[in-house]
Amino acid sequence: MRDAAPRGGPSPAPAHDSLARASALIRAGTVSAETLTRQALARAAQVQPTLNPFIAIWGERALEQARERDRELAQGHWRGPLHGIPLAHKDCFTRAGLPMTVGSKVFPDTPGDTDAAVLRRLETAGAVDLGPLNLSEMVSGPTGQNPHWGDCCNAHDPARVAGGSSSGSAVAVASGAVFGSLGSDTGGSIRLPASMNGIYGLKPTYGLVSRQGCFPRAWSLDCIGPLARSPLDCALLLQAVAGHDADDSSSLDAPVPDYAATIGGGAAGTRVALLDGLDPYDDAIAAALDAYMQRAAAVFGPSGRARFDDLAACYAMGDVIAKVEGATMHGEWMRRTPQRYSQAVYSRTEPGLHIPAVRYAEALLARGKLLEAWLAGPMARADVLVCPTVPIQVPTRAEADMEGQGRVFGVVAAITRLTRAFNYLGLPVLSVPIGKDANGMPIGAQLIGRPLSEARLLAVAHALAEAAA
């Protein structure tokens, strides 16, 4: 691992610097897309040497996109809330004519044939793309450390991990380089970095957002979702990319509500409860969670408590699926070029080659019954359940170094203990910032809902953020 960067890196962006406000300024003609993009590129260049959120910064390409958006607006054509908004995305999405690294050195520098479905939808929505963002190698890892492209460092303290695998997505947003980003989540890869960098990160319902053109970790678990600095910003991003895609066999053919329009009143009557029995947590995390639940009680009425004793089984089943599907995809590459893998990713992926097929089939078959038990159990008494995103304080990069001999599985288990089960169940989960730990680092909580309840989760997060303002 590289030596930890010194403290004193670029400060995170102010929380009020929102995508929604930038969108209103562009539409009003108060600021141009080109001006916003130049500011974003300047900020990206400022934070890159210390935080390393980008794989590449495509300045001229982004500026040309921004100029085109300005020309369109001058002609009366406004594509919607993302028109002219500078974004950047995890480098696990194909781009036509441009390479995709997946944070690895396994693949040759081969240009993509087409844009991923979500990037096409963002293009249609008018967004500007600053370039590909850093990530944990092969979308596999909860820390953001990357021995090939350099560690992506926490926006609040470069000596600490950024979370992963969508590390660059969270850091680029938290540091103010972009207004929002897309990441992918197989066991917490959107929520973990969102929590550790003090922003919002949404793992949608399985199948709500097309994965066509997204590099998989485990196709039975993967989801694509937004990271942003407010629930409203997440809603605007989700609106642009959600919906059925015939080119993705796992895509849901379900109605997509107007997430932004319902965010102000969509939380009315919500029953909020604490998901109990998951401790121990660090003391600072327990205190922040208690304060957040008190705020929820003040806004929505007395908060209950709920348990789900099979959550550990869901974690274990999800781990089986992730290992088997990951090994299936990587097996040939690992045999041909094992030296191109980091020790951490190789050691997490290779065991999947040895898991019996019956264990994998059992994990898939149990999924429906466990989801039914979840809906009939804790979700029968609440609309939104709450628990921490990460049960420990944000570790330093030295403490969480997964390249150390025998350390990878302990680090992964400690950080992902509360996130992986919800990928297995396919549920929507929103990580929200709720406080700071003893080192002044962000703490996040997960808001967990029923399938396709993203609108309610965003509305609840918005209401609780407003109550804290």
Protein backbone atom coordinates (compact mmCIF):
# COMPACT_ATOMS: atom_id res chain seq x y z
CA MET A 1 0.00 0.00 0.00
CA ARG A 2 1.16 3.55 -0.65
CA ASP A 3 2.07 5.69 2.34
CA ALA A 4 -0.95 7.44 3.82
CA ALA A 5 -1.44 10.96 2.50
CA PRO A 6 -0.99 13.74 5.04
CA ARG A 7 -3.93 15.40 6.74
CA GLY A 8 -5.03 18.81 5.57
CA GLY A 9 -6.36 17.87 2.13
CA PRO A 10 -9.04 19.85 0.32
CA SER A 11 -12.06 20.46 2.52
CA PRO A 12 -15.36 18.80 1.60
CA ALA A 13 -17.91 20.78 -0.38
CA PRO A 14 -20.57 22.69 1.55
CA ALA A 15 -23.77 20.71 2.01
CA HIS A 16 -25.93 23.47 0.45
CA ASP A 17 -24.02 23.29 -2.84
CA SER A 18 -26.73 21.15 -4.38
CA LEU A 19 -27.52 19.75 -7.78
CA ALA A 20 -31.10 21.02 -7.49
CA ARG A 21 -29.95 24.61 -6.93
CA ALA A 22 -27.40 24.43 -9.75
CA SER A 23 -30.15 23.13 -12.02
CA ALA A 24 -32.41 26.07 -11.14
CA LEU A 25 -29.59 28.53 -11.86
CA ILE A 26 -28.92 26.98 -15.27
CA ARG A 27 -32.58 27.01 -16.25
CA ALA A 28 -32.94 30.63 -15.14
CA GLY A 29 -29.89 31.61 -17.18
CA THR A 30 -28.08 32.85 -14.07
CA VAL A 31 -25.15 30.54 -14.74
CA SER A 32 -24.11 28.62 -17.83
CA ALA A 33 -23.37 24.92 -18.06
CA GLU A 34 -19.90 25.81 -19.32
CA THR A 35 -19.21 27.97 -16.27
CA LEU A 36 -20.36 25.23 -13.90
CA THR A 37 -18.27 22.67 -15.76
CA ARG A 38 -15.16 24.87 -15.64
CA GLN A 39 -15.66 25.27 -11.89
CA ALA A 40 -16.10 21.51 -11.50
CA LEU A 41 -12.97 20.79 -13.54
CA ALA A 42 -10.99 23.27 -11.44
CA ARG A 43 -12.17 21.62 -8.25
CA ALA A 44 -11.42 18.15 -9.66
CA ALA A 45 -7.87 19.24 -10.49
CA GLN A 46 -7.51 20.66 -6.98
CA VAL A 47 -8.60 17.54 -5.10
CA GLN A 48 -7.09 14.92 -7.41
CA PRO A 49 -3.47 15.02 -6.10
CA THR A 50 -4.58 14.46 -2.50
CA LEU A 51 -7.79 12.43 -2.72
CA ASN A 52 -7.38 10.65 -6.10
CA PRO A 53 -11.11 10.23 -6.93
CA PHE A 54 -10.64 10.19 -10.73
CA ILE A 55 -9.15 7.59 -13.04
CA ALA A 56 -9.09 10.29 -15.74
CA ILE A 57 -10.47 13.82 -16.15
CA TRP A 58 -11.80 14.47 -19.65
CA GLY A 59 -11.82 18.25 -19.58
CA GLU A 60 -12.24 19.18 -23.24
CA ARG A 61 -14.88 16.49 -23.78
CA ALA A 62 -16.84 17.77 -20.80
CA LEU A 63 -16.58 21.40 -21.90
CA GLU A 64 -17.86 20.56 -25.36
CA GLN A 65 -20.83 18.76 -23.81
CA ALA A 66 -21.49 21.81 -21.62
CA ARG A 67 -21.31 24.21 -24.58
CA GLU A 68 -23.80 22.06 -26.47
CA ARG A 69 -26.18 22.19 -23.50
CA ASP A 70 -25.87 25.99 -23.44
CA ARG A 71 -26.62 26.17 -27.16
CA GLU A 72 -29.67 23.97 -26.66
CA LEU A 73 -30.95 26.14 -23.82
CA ALA A 74 -30.45 29.27 -25.88
CA GLN A 75 -32.72 27.68 -28.49
CA GLY A 76 -35.39 26.94 -25.88
CA HIS A 77 -34.61 23.25 -25.45
CA TRP A 78 -34.28 22.25 -21.78
CA ARG A 79 -33.78 18.52 -21.25
CA GLY A 80 -34.75 18.50 -17.59
CA PRO A 81 -33.19 18.95 -14.13
CA LEU A 82 -29.85 17.38 -15.16
CA HIS A 83 -29.40 19.72 -18.15
CA GLY A 84 -25.80 20.94 -18.06
CA ILE A 85 -25.02 19.45 -14.62
CA PRO A 86 -21.41 18.22 -14.16
CA LEU A 87 -21.37 14.59 -13.02
CA ALA A 88 -18.82 11.76 -13.04
CA HIS A 89 -19.26 8.03 -12.54
CA LYS A 90 -17.58 4.91 -11.23
CA ASP A 91 -15.34 3.38 -13.89
CA CYS A 92 -17.39 0.21 -14.24
CA PHE A 93 -19.64 1.49 -17.03
CA THR A 94 -18.84 1.03 -20.71
CA ARG A 95 -18.40 4.15 -22.82
CA ALA A 96 -18.41 4.09 -26.62
CA GLY A 97 -14.89 4.60 -27.94
CA LEU A 98 -13.39 5.00 -24.46
CA PRO A 99 -11.70 2.47 -22.15
CA MET A 100 -13.14 1.07 -18.90
CA THR A 101 -10.63 0.00 -16.23
CA VAL A 102 -12.87 -1.38 -13.45
CA GLY A 103 -10.00 -0.23 -11.23
CA SER A 104 -7.89 -3.11 -12.52
CA LYS A 105 -4.93 -3.88 -14.79
CA VAL A 106 -6.40 -7.16 -16.02
CA PHE A 107 -8.01 -5.72 -19.14
CA PRO A 108 -6.28 -4.22 -22.17
CA ASP A 109 -6.95 -0.58 -23.01
CA THR A 110 -9.87 -1.52 -25.27
CA PRO A 111 -12.51 1.10 -26.17
CA GLY A 112 -16.12 0.21 -25.42
CA ASP A 113 -18.63 -0.50 -28.19
CA THR A 114 -21.54 1.38 -26.64
CA ASP A 115 -22.40 3.51 -23.65
CA ALA A 116 -23.94 1.68 -20.68
CA ALA A 117 -27.70 2.10 -20.44
CA VAL A 118 -27.49 4.46 -17.46
CA LEU A 119 -24.98 6.70 -19.24
CA ARG A 120 -27.23 6.86 -22.28
CA ARG A 121 -30.10 7.91 -20.05
CA LEU A 122 -28.00 10.59 -18.40
CA GLU A 123 -26.94 11.85 -21.82
CA THR A 124 -30.60 12.07 -22.81
CA ALA A 125 -31.27 13.95 -19.57
CA GLY A 126 -28.57 16.49 -20.50
CA ALA A 127 -25.87 15.72 -17.92
CA VAL A 128 -22.18 16.52 -18.46
CA ASP A 129 -19.64 13.73 -17.81
CA LEU A 130 -16.26 14.77 -16.35
CA GLY A 131 -14.77 11.28 -16.60
CA PRO A 132 -14.37 7.88 -14.93
CA LEU A 133 -13.96 7.64 -11.16
CA ASN A 134 -11.62 5.53 -9.06
CA LEU A 135 -12.90 2.42 -7.30
CA SER A 136 -11.83 -0.68 -5.47
CA GLU A 137 -10.30 -3.15 -7.92
CA MET A 138 -12.90 -5.17 -9.86
CA VAL A 139 -15.74 -3.47 -7.91
CA SER A 140 -14.63 -5.67 -5.02
CA GLY A 141 -13.66 -4.15 -1.69
CA PRO A 142 -15.13 -1.94 1.05
CA THR A 143 -12.21 0.47 1.57
CA GLY A 144 -11.42 2.28 -1.70
CA GLN A 145 -7.80 1.15 -1.57
CA ASN A 146 -6.42 0.29 -4.99
CA PRO A 147 -2.84 -0.93 -5.59
CA HIS A 148 -3.13 -0.39 -9.36
CA TRP A 149 -4.56 3.15 -9.65
CA GLY A 150 -3.74 4.46 -6.19
CA ASP A 151 -5.93 4.68 -3.12
CA CYS A 152 -8.99 6.89 -3.21
CA CYS A 153 -8.81 8.79 0.09
CA ASN A 154 -11.56 10.05 2.37
CA ALA A 155 -12.75 13.57 1.57
CA HIS A 156 -12.65 14.52 5.27
CA ASP A 157 -9.24 13.02 6.10
CA PRO A 158 -6.96 11.59 3.39
CA ALA A 159 -5.31 9.31 5.96
CA ARG A 160 -8.57 7.39 6.29
CA VAL A 161 -10.35 5.05 3.90
CA ALA A 162 -13.01 6.36 1.56
CA GLY A 163 -15.15 3.22 1.64
CA GLY A 164 -15.77 1.11 -1.41
CA SER A 165 -16.11 -0.02 -3.92
CA SER A 166 -17.71 3.22 -5.23
CA SER A 167 -15.01 5.25 -3.51
CA GLY A 168 -14.38 7.81 -6.25
CA SER A 169 -18.10 8.43 -6.61
CA ALA A 170 -18.50 9.39 -2.95
CA VAL A 171 -15.27 11.40 -2.75
CA ALA A 172 -15.89 13.34 -5.96
CA VAL A 173 -19.31 14.34 -4.65
CA ALA A 174 -18.24 15.04 -1.05
CA SER A 175 -15.23 17.10 -2.14
CA GLY A 176 -17.31 19.24 -4.51
CA ALA A 177 -15.81 18.10 -7.80
CA VAL A 178 -19.23 17.01 -9.13
CA PHE A 179 -22.87 17.42 -8.10
CA GLY A 180 -23.67 13.71 -8.21
CA SER A 181 -22.47 10.32 -9.35
CA LEU A 182 -23.57 6.78 -10.12
CA GLY A 183 -22.04 3.84 -8.31
CA SER A 184 -22.75 0.12 -8.11
CA ASP A 185 -23.58 -1.91 -5.00
CA THR A 186 -23.21 -5.68 -4.47
CA GLY A 187 -22.69 -5.78 -0.70
CA GLY A 188 -22.66 -2.13 0.33
CA SER A 189 -20.52 -0.48 -2.34
CA ILE A 190 -22.71 2.64 -2.65
CA ARG A 191 -23.76 2.92 0.99
CA LEU A 192 -20.36 2.37 2.64
CA PRO A 193 -18.52 5.22 0.86
CA ALA A 194 -21.59 7.45 1.16
CA SER A 195 -21.57 6.88 4.93
CA MET A 196 -17.82 7.37 5.33
CA ASN A 197 -17.84 10.63 3.35
CA GLY A 198 -20.99 12.14 4.84
CA ILE A 199 -23.30 12.11 1.80
CA TYR A 200 -26.40 10.24 0.64
CA GLY A 201 -26.16 6.97 -1.27
CA LEU A 202 -29.09 4.91 -2.56
CA LYS A 203 -29.05 1.20 -3.41
CA PRO A 204 -32.34 0.80 -5.29
CA THR A 205 -34.59 -2.22 -5.46
CA TYR A 206 -32.95 -5.02 -7.43
CA GLY A 207 -33.86 -4.52 -11.10
CA LEU A 208 -35.13 -0.93 -10.86
CA VAL A 209 -32.09 0.48 -12.71
CA SER A 210 -30.70 -1.21 -15.81
CA ARG A 211 -27.28 -2.85 -15.46
CA GLN A 212 -26.69 -3.20 -19.20
CA GLY A 213 -23.08 -2.14 -19.79
CA CYS A 214 -22.14 -2.26 -16.08
CA PHE A 215 -19.28 -4.59 -15.11
CA PRO A 216 -20.71 -7.14 -12.64
CA ARG A 217 -19.45 -8.45 -9.35
CA ALA A 218 -22.41 -10.80 -8.82
CA TRP A 219 -25.29 -10.49 -11.25
CA SER A 220 -27.84 -11.81 -8.75
CA LEU A 221 -27.02 -9.01 -6.29
CA ASP A 222 -25.69 -5.97 -8.23
CA CYS A 223 -27.57 -2.67 -8.25
CA ILE A 224 -26.75 0.77 -9.72
CA GLY A 225 -27.70 3.88 -7.80
CA PRO A 226 -26.96 7.56 -7.11
CA LEU A 227 -24.66 9.30 -4.64
CA ALA A 228 -25.33 12.97 -3.93
CA ARG A 229 -25.34 15.67 -1.27
CA SER A 230 -29.09 15.66 -0.55
CA PRO A 231 -32.11 13.36 -0.85
CA LEU A 232 -33.55 15.65 -3.54
CA ASP A 233 -30.36 15.39 -5.58
CA CYS A 234 -30.51 11.59 -5.29
CA ALA A 235 -34.13 11.73 -6.44
CA LEU A 236 -33.24 13.76 -9.54
CA LEU A 237 -30.49 11.31 -10.48
CA LEU A 238 -32.64 8.25 -9.84
CA GLN A 239 -35.45 9.73 -11.93
CA ALA A 240 -33.13 9.92 -14.93
CA VAL A 241 -31.90 6.32 -14.82
CA ALA A 242 -34.74 4.24 -13.33
CA GLY A 243 -37.11 2.21 -15.44
CA HIS A 244 -37.45 -0.91 -17.53
CA ASP A 245 -34.78 -1.88 -20.06
CA ALA A 246 -35.46 -4.73 -22.46
CA ASP A 247 -31.71 -5.24 -22.86
CA ASP A 248 -31.34 -6.20 -19.18
CA SER A 249 -33.01 -9.54 -18.40
CA SER A 250 -33.23 -8.67 -14.68
CA SER A 251 -34.88 -5.30 -15.29
CA LEU A 252 -38.23 -4.74 -13.58
CA ASP A 253 -41.15 -3.63 -15.69
CA ALA A 254 -42.62 -1.41 -12.96
CA PRO A 255 -43.94 2.17 -12.88
CA VAL A 256 -41.40 4.86 -11.98
CA PRO A 257 -42.89 7.59 -9.77
CA ASP A 258 -41.82 11.22 -9.83
CA TYR A 259 -39.34 10.98 -6.97
CA ALA A 260 -38.58 14.69 -6.80
CA ALA A 261 -42.23 15.75 -6.90
CA THR A 262 -43.19 13.51 -3.97
CA ILE A 263 -40.17 14.18 -1.78
CA GLY A 264 -41.83 17.02 0.13
CA GLY A 265 -44.99 15.15 1.14
CA GLY A 266 -44.28 11.50 0.47
CA ALA A 267 -43.29 10.72 4.05
CA ALA A 268 -46.66 11.48 5.64
CA GLY A 269 -47.88 8.70 7.91
CA THR A 270 -44.61 6.76 7.77
CA ARG A 271 -43.94 4.32 10.58
CA VAL A 272 -40.24 4.38 11.44
CA ALA A 273 -38.63 1.71 13.59
CA LEU A 274 -35.15 0.79 14.78
CA LEU A 275 -33.82 -2.53 13.48
CA ASP A 276 -32.71 -4.00 16.77
CA GLY A 277 -30.32 -6.75 17.78
CA LEU A 278 -27.43 -5.76 15.49
CA ASP A 279 -25.07 -4.30 18.07
CA PRO A 280 -22.34 -3.93 19.18
CA TYR A 281 -21.62 -0.57 17.61
CA ASP A 282 -18.95 1.94 18.44
CA ASP A 283 -20.18 4.29 21.21
CA ALA A 284 -20.22 7.34 18.93
CA ILE A 285 -22.28 5.44 16.36
CA ALA A 286 -24.75 4.26 18.99
CA ALA A 287 -25.15 7.84 20.26
CA ALA A 288 -25.66 9.27 16.77
CA LEU A 289 -28.21 6.55 15.98
CA ASP A 290 -30.10 7.26 19.21
CA ALA A 291 -30.23 10.99 18.39
CA TYR A 292 -31.44 10.24 14.86
CA MET A 293 -34.22 7.98 16.16
CA GLN A 294 -35.29 10.71 18.60
CA ARG A 295 -35.55 13.10 15.66
CA ALA A 296 -37.57 10.52 13.74
CA ALA A 297 -39.92 10.19 16.73
CA ALA A 298 -40.36 13.97 16.85
CA VAL A 299 -41.25 14.07 13.13
CA PHE A 300 -43.21 10.83 12.64
CA GLY A 301 -44.35 9.83 16.10
CA PRO A 302 -43.02 7.23 18.54
CA SER A 303 -40.49 4.90 16.97
CA GLY A 304 -40.81 1.18 17.49
CA ARG A 305 -38.26 -1.58 17.43
CA ALA A 306 -38.10 -4.63 15.18
CA ARG A 307 -35.86 -7.67 14.86
CA PHE A 308 -35.00 -10.11 12.12
CA ASP A 309 -33.07 -13.05 13.46
CA ASP A 310 -32.31 -14.39 9.97
CA LEU A 311 -30.29 -11.34 8.92
CA ALA A 312 -27.02 -13.20 9.56
CA ALA A 313 -28.25 -16.01 7.32
CA CYS A 314 -29.03 -13.46 4.59
CA TYR A 315 -25.47 -12.14 4.89
CA ALA A 316 -24.06 -15.66 4.57
CA MET A 317 -26.27 -16.52 1.59
CA GLY A 318 -25.31 -13.30 -0.14
CA ASP A 319 -21.65 -14.08 0.46
CA VAL A 320 -22.05 -17.51 -1.19
CA ILE A 321 -23.71 -15.97 -4.24
CA ALA A 322 -21.11 -13.21 -4.54
CA LYS A 323 -18.19 -15.65 -4.31
CA VAL A 324 -19.60 -18.20 -6.78
CA GLU A 325 -20.73 -15.67 -9.38
CA GLY A 326 -17.53 -13.67 -9.00
CA ALA A 327 -15.38 -16.78 -9.42
CA THR A 328 -17.42 -17.88 -12.42
CA MET A 329 -16.72 -14.61 -14.16
CA HIS A 330 -13.07 -14.22 -13.09
CA GLY A 331 -11.96 -17.86 -13.21
CA GLU A 332 -10.39 -17.77 -16.65
CA TRP A 333 -8.67 -14.42 -16.05
CA MET A 334 -7.33 -15.64 -12.70
CA ARG A 335 -5.90 -18.75 -14.36
CA ARG A 336 -4.30 -16.79 -17.19
CA THR A 337 -3.02 -13.68 -15.40
CA PRO A 338 -3.13 -14.21 -11.62
CA GLN A 339 -0.27 -11.73 -11.17
CA ARG A 340 -2.50 -8.90 -12.36
CA TYR A 341 -4.83 -9.29 -9.39
CA SER A 342 -4.20 -7.83 -5.97
CA GLN A 343 -3.85 -10.32 -3.16
CA ALA A 344 -7.09 -9.02 -1.62
CA VAL A 345 -9.30 -9.44 -4.68
CA TYR A 346 -7.78 -12.78 -5.70
CA SER A 347 -8.17 -14.23 -2.21
CA ARG A 348 -11.81 -13.08 -1.98
CA THR A 349 -12.74 -14.40 -5.43
CA GLU A 350 -10.88 -17.71 -5.72
CA PRO A 351 -12.83 -19.53 -2.93
CA GLY A 352 -15.93 -19.33 -5.11
CA LEU A 353 -14.38 -21.97 -7.37
CA HIS A 354 -14.60 -24.46 -4.51
CA ILE A 355 -18.11 -23.84 -3.16
CA PRO A 356 -20.38 -26.80 -4.07
CA ALA A 357 -23.09 -26.10 -6.60
CA VAL A 358 -25.73 -27.25 -4.10
CA ARG A 359 -24.74 -24.46 -1.67
CA TYR A 360 -25.15 -21.87 -4.44
CA ALA A 361 -28.53 -23.32 -5.45
CA GLU A 362 -29.66 -23.33 -1.82
CA ALA A 363 -28.75 -19.66 -1.46
CA LEU A 364 -30.78 -18.77 -4.54
CA LEU A 365 -33.77 -20.92 -3.51
CA ALA A 366 -33.88 -19.54 0.04
CA ARG A 367 -34.00 -15.95 -1.16
CA GLY A 368 -37.74 -15.77 -1.81
CA LYS A 369 -38.69 -17.36 1.50
CA LEU A 370 -36.38 -15.08 3.47
CA LEU A 371 -37.78 -12.02 1.71
CA GLU A 372 -41.31 -13.18 2.57
CA ALA A 373 -40.25 -13.62 6.20
CA TRP A 374 -38.74 -10.12 6.22
CA LEU A 375 -41.92 -8.54 4.81
CA ALA A 376 -44.17 -10.52 7.16
CA GLY A 377 -41.90 -9.83 10.13
CA PRO A 378 -40.18 -6.48 10.76
CA MET A 379 -41.72 -4.74 7.74
CA ALA A 380 -45.24 -5.64 8.82
CA ARG A 381 -44.87 -3.22 11.71
CA ALA A 382 -42.93 -0.41 10.02
CA ASP A 383 -42.56 1.33 6.67
CA VAL A 384 -38.92 2.27 7.19
CA LEU A 385 -36.37 0.46 9.34
CA VAL A 386 -33.18 2.12 10.53
CA CYS A 387 -29.76 0.76 11.44
CA PRO A 388 -26.16 1.99 11.09
CA THR A 389 -24.44 1.72 7.73
CA VAL A 390 -21.00 0.96 9.16
CA PRO A 391 -20.78 -0.35 12.74
CA ILE A 392 -17.22 0.90 13.34
CA GLN A 393 -15.51 4.28 13.13
CA VAL A 394 -13.93 5.11 9.78
CA PRO A 395 -10.54 3.35 9.92
CA THR A 396 -7.23 4.67 8.71
CA ARG A 397 -5.83 3.30 5.48
CA ALA A 398 -3.12 1.52 7.46
CA GLU A 399 -5.66 -0.11 9.79
CA ALA A 400 -7.79 -1.33 6.88
CA ASP A 401 -4.99 -2.41 4.53
CA MET A 402 -6.38 -5.55 2.89
CA GLU A 403 -3.08 -6.43 1.22
CA GLY A 404 -1.66 -7.43 4.61
CA GLN A 405 -1.32 -11.18 5.01
CA GLY A 406 -4.49 -12.73 6.38
CA ARG A 407 -6.32 -9.44 6.87
CA VAL A 408 -8.74 -9.23 3.97
CA PHE A 409 -11.62 -11.26 5.40
CA GLY A 410 -11.54 -9.53 8.80
CA VAL A 411 -11.61 -6.06 7.23
CA VAL A 412 -14.45 -6.96 4.86
CA ALA A 413 -16.57 -8.55 7.60
CA ALA A 414 -16.06 -5.64 9.99
CA ILE A 415 -17.11 -2.99 7.46
CA THR A 416 -19.89 -4.80 5.53
CA ARG A 417 -21.58 -6.53 8.49
CA LEU A 418 -24.76 -4.44 8.21
CA THR A 419 -25.06 -3.88 4.45
CA ARG A 420 -24.65 -7.15 2.54
CA ALA A 421 -27.87 -8.83 3.70
CA PHE A 422 -30.04 -6.21 1.99
CA ASN A 423 -28.48 -6.94 -1.40
CA TYR A 424 -29.47 -10.55 -0.92
CA LEU A 425 -33.04 -9.52 -0.12
CA GLY A 426 -33.08 -7.09 -3.07
CA LEU A 427 -34.44 -4.23 -0.94
CA PRO A 428 -34.02 -0.48 -1.46
CA VAL A 429 -31.71 1.09 1.13
CA LEU A 430 -30.65 4.73 1.50
CA SER A 431 -27.57 5.65 3.54
CA VAL A 432 -27.94 9.06 5.20
CA PRO A 433 -25.45 11.12 7.25
CA ILE A 434 -26.40 11.29 10.94
CA GLY A 435 -23.37 12.58 12.84
CA LYS A 436 -19.63 12.39 13.46
CA ASP A 437 -17.46 9.87 15.27
CA ALA A 438 -14.77 10.55 17.86
CA ASN A 439 -12.31 11.45 15.09
CA GLY A 440 -14.71 13.92 13.47
CA MET A 441 -15.51 11.49 10.66
CA PRO A 442 -19.02 11.00 9.25
CA ILE A 443 -21.47 8.40 10.55
CA GLY A 444 -24.24 7.04 8.34
CA ALA A 445 -27.51 5.23 8.94
CA GLN A 446 -29.41 2.98 6.57
CA LEU A 447 -33.09 3.60 5.85
CA ILE A 448 -34.52 0.28 4.65
CA GLY A 449 -37.85 -0.07 2.87
CA ARG A 450 -40.07 -2.49 1.03
CA PRO A 451 -39.36 -3.26 -2.62
CA LEU A 452 -39.93 -0.20 -4.84
CA SER A 453 -40.31 2.18 -1.88
CA GLU A 454 -37.49 4.51 -2.99
CA ALA A 455 -39.85 7.50 -3.04
CA ARG A 456 -40.74 7.00 0.61
CA LEU A 457 -37.13 6.51 1.68
CA LEU A 458 -36.07 9.73 -0.05
CA ALA A 459 -39.03 11.62 1.44
CA VAL A 460 -38.26 10.38 4.96
CA ALA A 461 -34.59 11.33 4.60
CA HIS A 462 -35.62 14.77 3.31
CA ALA A 463 -38.03 15.34 6.20
CA LEU A 464 -35.43 14.35 8.80
CA ALA A 465 -32.75 16.51 7.17
CA GLU A 466 -35.17 19.46 7.19
CA ALA A 467 -35.91 18.83 10.88
CA ALA A 468 -32.20 19.00 11.67
CA ALA A 469 -31.63 22.23 9.73
